[in-house]
Amino acid sequence: LNTMFLESNRLTGVLPVTLGQLTALEHLELSGNKLSGTLPPELGLLSALQHLQLGENQFSGALPAELGRLTALYALEIEDNQFTGVLPVELGQLTGLDFLNLGGNQLSGTIPAEL
């Protein structure tokens, strides 16, 4: 599986940690659902992931530093959730990132210089 589009449904619950086993996944689109909980650090195992769209859900907690392992990522869209805390400096490792949308969360602190 290299593409998963499940946006604008009524999906609920948390992201399963087994999602990290989909190592060929390039596009993950889950926006516009009612998914909640924290993002599992296992997302950092998705080494082929290019586009991660989790906006307009009810995710909360801190962003996992493991997102910095997604070096193939060009778009990270996690707007309109309930994320808190500071931006992990590890996001600076995403050197191919062209689009970053973190709007509509409750993030605090400074923007890491690495970005």
Foldseek 3Di string as FASTA:
>chain_A
DAEDADDQDADEEEDDLCVLVPQNHAYDHHANYAYEEEHDLSVLSNQNHAEDAHAHYAYEEAHDLSVLSNQNYQEDHHEQYAYEEEHHLSVLSNVNHNYYHHYNYHYDDDDHPSD
